């Protein structure tokens, strides 16, 4: 997030040069639903509040061209968003509000449901939270005996291709929370969710320490822009 935000909108000094386009877009959104709008139109609408006196379509298209998809735009690092001509503090705040809302909704879904009977919710939440990050993160989902979420914590943040993970610290935290099961999650900023040999060895180390203590490791999920992998479905654990 920007350290200091100007109270004015991004184009406070500009004079409006159109009147009906936004209203027509809003009417289509409310009448036909979000599915009737393209990604650039949704992003265009999201930028209305930040840029009230300028056509937001060119900026929305420029953002999608640079980052590739709606999800990648809203999860893009602030420094990279600033590389796009026309993106200022108000636009960044609006874009990051979308990312925060998506993460909050996804997290709420898995908190309200039993994690293992709503696996798609778990995957959606992990991808929303981590798939587009520019650094590796190692996340832990701590579950109780009914497989309901106790806590969701990012234990480590690393570099673009490595995150240090300490298996004993993972289990120590599980014991502190009285968790009986874990789901391990990390991201691959490269986009390719294929597990590395180091990922496999680290997972085995955590499982070996957890098992004698009665803590189950249900899965290790790796997420990336190009999809996700599950150690359990790959029979790696």
Protein backbone atom coordinates (compact mmCIF):
# COMPACT_ATOMS: atom_id res chain seq x y z
CA UNK A 1 0.00 0.00 0.00
CA UNK A 2 1.23 3.52 -0.63
CA UNK A 3 2.80 5.10 2.42
CA UNK A 4 0.98 8.38 1.93
CA UNK A 5 -2.21 8.90 0.00
CA UNK A 6 -3.32 12.20 -1.51
CA UNK A 7 -6.86 13.08 -0.39
CA UNK A 8 -7.69 14.19 -3.91
CA UNK A 9 -8.73 11.81 -6.66
CA UNK A 10 -6.16 10.87 -9.29
CA UNK A 11 -7.57 13.34 -11.82
CA UNK A 12 -8.97 16.05 -9.57
CA UNK A 13 -7.78 18.79 -11.90
CA UNK A 14 -9.27 17.32 -15.06
CA UNK A 15 -12.59 18.31 -16.61
CA UNK A 16 -15.10 15.57 -17.49
CA UNK A 17 -15.43 15.01 -21.22
CA UNK A 18 -18.17 12.37 -21.30
CA UNK A 19 -21.43 11.73 -19.44
CA UNK A 20 -23.35 8.60 -20.45
CA UNK A 21 -20.79 5.81 -20.68
CA UNK A 22 -20.48 5.12 -16.96
CA UNK A 23 -24.21 5.13 -16.42
CA UNK A 24 -24.74 2.66 -19.28
CA UNK A 25 -22.05 0.39 -17.84
CA UNK A 26 -23.62 0.53 -14.38
CA UNK A 27 -27.07 -0.23 -15.81
CA UNK A 28 -25.72 -3.29 -17.64
CA UNK A 29 -23.94 -4.45 -14.49
CA UNK A 30 -27.10 -4.21 -12.37
CA UNK A 31 -29.47 -5.55 -15.03
CA UNK A 32 -27.43 -8.47 -16.37
CA UNK A 33 -24.97 -9.10 -13.54
CA UNK A 34 -21.17 -9.13 -13.46
CA UNK A 35 -21.02 -12.09 -15.87
CA UNK A 36 -22.22 -9.76 -18.63
CA UNK A 37 -19.11 -7.58 -18.28
CA UNK A 38 -15.62 -8.33 -19.50
CA UNK A 39 -12.61 -8.20 -17.16
CA UNK A 40 -11.62 -4.76 -18.42
CA UNK A 41 -15.17 -3.44 -17.87
CA UNK A 42 -15.22 -4.68 -14.27
CA UNK A 43 -11.83 -3.11 -13.67
CA UNK A 44 -13.01 0.04 -15.41
CA UNK A 45 -15.96 0.25 -13.00
CA UNK A 46 -13.73 -0.41 -10.00
CA UNK A 47 -11.63 2.62 -10.96
CA UNK A 48 -14.60 5.00 -11.24
CA UNK A 49 -14.25 6.15 -7.63
CA UNK A 50 -10.51 6.77 -7.98
CA UNK A 51 -10.79 8.55 -11.34
CA UNK A 52 -14.17 10.31 -11.51
CA UNK A 53 -13.42 12.71 -14.37
CA UNK A 54 -11.60 10.60 -16.92
CA UNK A 55 -12.37 7.59 -19.08
CA UNK A 56 -11.01 4.60 -17.14
CA UNK A 57 -11.24 2.13 -20.03
CA UNK A 58 -7.72 2.80 -21.42
CA UNK A 59 -6.17 2.38 -17.98
CA UNK A 60 -8.12 -0.81 -17.28
CA UNK A 61 -6.96 -2.27 -20.61
CA UNK A 62 -3.37 -1.21 -19.96
CA UNK A 63 -3.39 -2.93 -16.58
CA UNK A 64 -4.78 -6.15 -18.04
CA UNK A 65 -2.26 -6.07 -20.87
CA UNK A 66 0.62 -5.75 -18.41
CA UNK A 67 -0.49 -8.30 -15.82
CA UNK A 68 -2.62 -10.71 -17.84
CA UNK A 69 -5.84 -11.13 -15.84
CA UNK A 70 -8.17 -9.39 -13.40
CA UNK A 71 -6.79 -11.45 -10.49
CA UNK A 72 -3.20 -10.67 -11.40
CA UNK A 73 -3.99 -6.94 -11.56
CA UNK A 74 -5.54 -6.77 -8.09
CA UNK A 75 -2.77 -8.87 -6.53
CA UNK A 76 0.10 -7.13 -8.32
CA UNK A 77 2.77 -5.52 -6.10
CA UNK A 78 2.30 -1.79 -5.62
CA UNK A 79 5.69 -1.00 -7.18
CA UNK A 80 4.70 -2.79 -10.39
CA UNK A 81 1.29 -1.10 -10.51
CA UNK A 82 3.08 2.25 -10.43
CA UNK A 83 4.92 1.27 -13.61
CA UNK A 84 1.66 1.66 -15.55
CA UNK A 85 1.21 5.18 -16.87
CA UNK A 86 -1.75 6.87 -15.16
CA UNK A 87 -1.77 4.74 -12.01
CA UNK A 88 -1.55 6.92 -8.90
CA UNK A 89 -2.30 6.52 -5.19
CA UNK A 90 -6.09 6.62 -5.45
CA UNK A 91 -6.13 3.94 -8.14
CA UNK A 92 -3.74 1.74 -6.15
CA UNK A 93 -5.91 2.07 -3.06
CA UNK A 94 -8.98 1.06 -5.06
CA UNK A 95 -7.22 -1.92 -6.65
CA UNK A 96 -5.86 -3.13 -3.31
CA UNK A 97 -9.33 -2.77 -1.78
CA UNK A 98 -10.52 -5.34 -4.33
CA UNK A 99 -7.72 -7.71 -3.33
CA UNK A 100 -8.49 -7.28 0.37
CA UNK A 101 -12.21 -7.88 -0.21
CA UNK A 102 -11.54 -11.05 -2.20
CA UNK A 103 -9.21 -12.42 0.48
CA UNK A 104 -11.65 -11.58 3.29
CA UNK A 105 -14.55 -13.29 1.51
CA UNK A 106 -12.52 -16.41 0.72
CA UNK A 107 -11.22 -16.63 4.28
CA UNK A 108 -14.75 -16.24 5.62
CA UNK A 109 -15.93 -19.14 3.48
CA UNK A 110 -13.46 -21.61 4.95
CA UNK A 111 -14.07 -20.32 8.50
CA UNK A 112 -17.80 -20.99 8.13
CA UNK A 113 -17.37 -24.48 6.74
CA UNK A 114 -15.65 -27.70 7.62
CA UNK A 115 -12.40 -27.42 5.74
CA UNK A 116 -12.11 -30.95 4.38
CA UNK A 117 -15.68 -31.12 3.12
CA UNK A 118 -15.22 -27.81 1.28
CA UNK A 119 -11.92 -28.44 -0.45
CA UNK A 120 -12.70 -26.07 -3.31
CA UNK A 121 -13.08 -23.25 -0.76
CA UNK A 122 -9.64 -24.07 0.66
CA UNK A 123 -8.05 -24.04 -2.80
CA UNK A 124 -9.82 -20.83 -3.80
CA UNK A 125 -8.70 -19.11 -0.62
CA UNK A 126 -5.09 -20.23 -1.00
CA UNK A 127 -4.95 -19.14 -4.62
CA UNK A 128 -6.58 -15.80 -3.86
CA UNK A 129 -4.20 -15.12 -0.99
CA UNK A 130 -0.92 -16.37 -2.45
CA UNK A 131 -0.90 -17.34 -6.12
CA UNK A 132 0.06 -13.90 -7.41
CA UNK A 133 2.54 -12.91 -4.69
CA UNK A 134 6.02 -11.97 -5.94
CA UNK A 135 7.80 -13.78 -3.08
CA UNK A 136 7.40 -17.28 -1.70
CA UNK A 137 5.22 -17.61 1.39
CA UNK A 138 4.74 -20.62 3.63
CA UNK A 139 1.25 -20.70 5.13
CA UNK A 140 -0.27 -22.99 7.75
CA UNK A 141 -3.94 -23.82 8.20
CA UNK A 142 -4.44 -25.20 11.72
CA UNK A 143 -7.49 -27.44 12.19
CA UNK A 144 -9.29 -28.90 15.19
CA UNK A 145 -10.55 -32.47 15.59
CA UNK A 146 -13.64 -31.64 13.48
CA UNK A 147 -11.37 -30.29 10.73
CA UNK A 148 -12.59 -26.75 11.32
CA UNK A 149 -10.17 -23.87 10.95
CA UNK A 150 -8.56 -22.67 14.19
CA UNK A 151 -6.01 -20.31 12.68
CA UNK A 152 -4.50 -19.30 9.36
CA UNK A 153 -0.95 -17.99 9.59
CA UNK A 154 1.86 -17.08 7.21
CA UNK A 155 4.85 -18.55 9.01
CA UNK A 156 7.61 -17.47 6.64
CA UNK A 157 8.12 -15.17 3.66
CA UNK A 158 11.18 -15.76 1.52
CA UNK A 159 12.58 -14.82 -1.87
CA UNK A 160 11.26 -15.37 -5.37
CA UNK A 161 12.22 -19.05 -5.28
CA UNK A 162 12.84 -20.08 -1.68
CA UNK A 163 11.24 -19.88 1.76
CA UNK A 164 13.02 -21.20 4.86
CA UNK A 165 10.77 -23.62 6.75
CA UNK A 166 11.58 -25.06 10.17
CA UNK A 167 9.54 -28.23 10.83
CA UNK A 168 9.94 -28.08 14.62
CA UNK A 169 8.60 -24.51 14.65
CA UNK A 170 5.58 -25.68 12.63
CA UNK A 171 4.76 -28.40 15.16
CA UNK A 172 5.49 -26.11 18.12
CA UNK A 173 2.88 -23.66 16.83
CA UNK A 174 0.36 -26.47 16.24
CA UNK A 175 0.77 -27.59 19.86
CA UNK A 176 0.34 -24.00 21.10
CA UNK A 177 -3.00 -23.81 19.27
CA UNK A 178 -4.07 -27.35 20.30
CA UNK A 179 -4.44 -28.19 16.61
CA UNK A 180 -4.92 -31.83 15.67
CA UNK A 181 -4.34 -31.38 11.94
CA UNK A 182 -2.50 -29.16 9.51
CA UNK A 183 -2.71 -28.14 5.88
CA UNK A 184 0.59 -26.81 4.54
CA UNK A 185 0.43 -24.24 1.75
CA UNK A 186 3.05 -22.33 -0.17
CA UNK A 187 3.25 -20.51 -3.49
CA UNK A 188 5.59 -20.60 -6.46
CA UNK A 189 5.95 -17.07 -7.90
CA UNK A 190 7.24 -18.64 -11.13
CA UNK A 191 3.66 -19.78 -11.76
CA UNK A 192 4.56 -23.47 -11.99
CA UNK A 193 3.13 -25.33 -8.95
CA UNK A 194 5.25 -28.47 -9.48
CA UNK A 195 6.85 -29.49 -6.14
CA UNK A 196 10.63 -29.42 -5.89
CA UNK A 197 12.73 -32.08 -4.17
CA UNK A 198 13.24 -29.63 -1.30
CA UNK A 199 9.43 -29.24 -0.99
CA UNK A 200 9.04 -33.01 -0.76
CA UNK A 201 11.80 -33.41 1.84
CA UNK A 202 10.45 -30.56 3.98
CA UNK A 203 6.94 -32.06 3.93
CA UNK A 204 8.25 -35.47 4.98
CA UNK A 205 10.17 -33.89 7.86
CA UNK A 206 7.01 -32.16 9.15
CA UNK A 207 4.94 -35.35 8.82
CA UNK A 208 7.58 -37.40 10.66
CA UNK A 209 7.63 -34.99 13.62
CA UNK A 210 3.85 -34.49 13.72
CA UNK A 211 2.73 -38.12 13.58
CA UNK A 212 4.04 -39.30 17.00
CA UNK A 213 2.35 -36.26 18.58
CA UNK A 214 -1.06 -37.13 17.14
CA UNK A 215 -1.05 -34.26 14.63
CA UNK A 216 -2.15 -35.18 11.11
CA UNK A 217 -0.83 -33.39 8.04
CA UNK A 218 -3.77 -33.59 5.65
CA UNK A 219 -2.04 -32.10 2.62
CA UNK A 220 0.58 -29.77 1.26
CA UNK A 221 -0.79 -27.49 -1.44
CA UNK A 222 1.39 -25.49 -3.80
CA UNK A 223 -0.32 -22.66 -5.68
CA UNK A 224 0.81 -20.64 -8.66
CA UNK A 225 -0.64 -18.50 -11.40
CA UNK A 226 -0.89 -21.60 -13.58
CA UNK A 227 -2.85 -23.74 -11.12
CA UNK A 228 -2.13 -25.78 -8.01
CA UNK A 229 -0.81 -29.16 -6.92
CA UNK A 230 -1.75 -31.34 -3.97
CA UNK A 231 0.79 -33.68 -2.38
CA UNK A 232 -2.02 -35.96 -1.30
CA UNK A 233 -3.47 -36.28 -4.80
CA UNK A 234 0.05 -36.86 -6.19
CA UNK A 235 0.62 -39.56 -3.53
CA UNK A 236 3.67 -37.73 -2.21
CA UNK A 237 2.52 -38.18 1.40
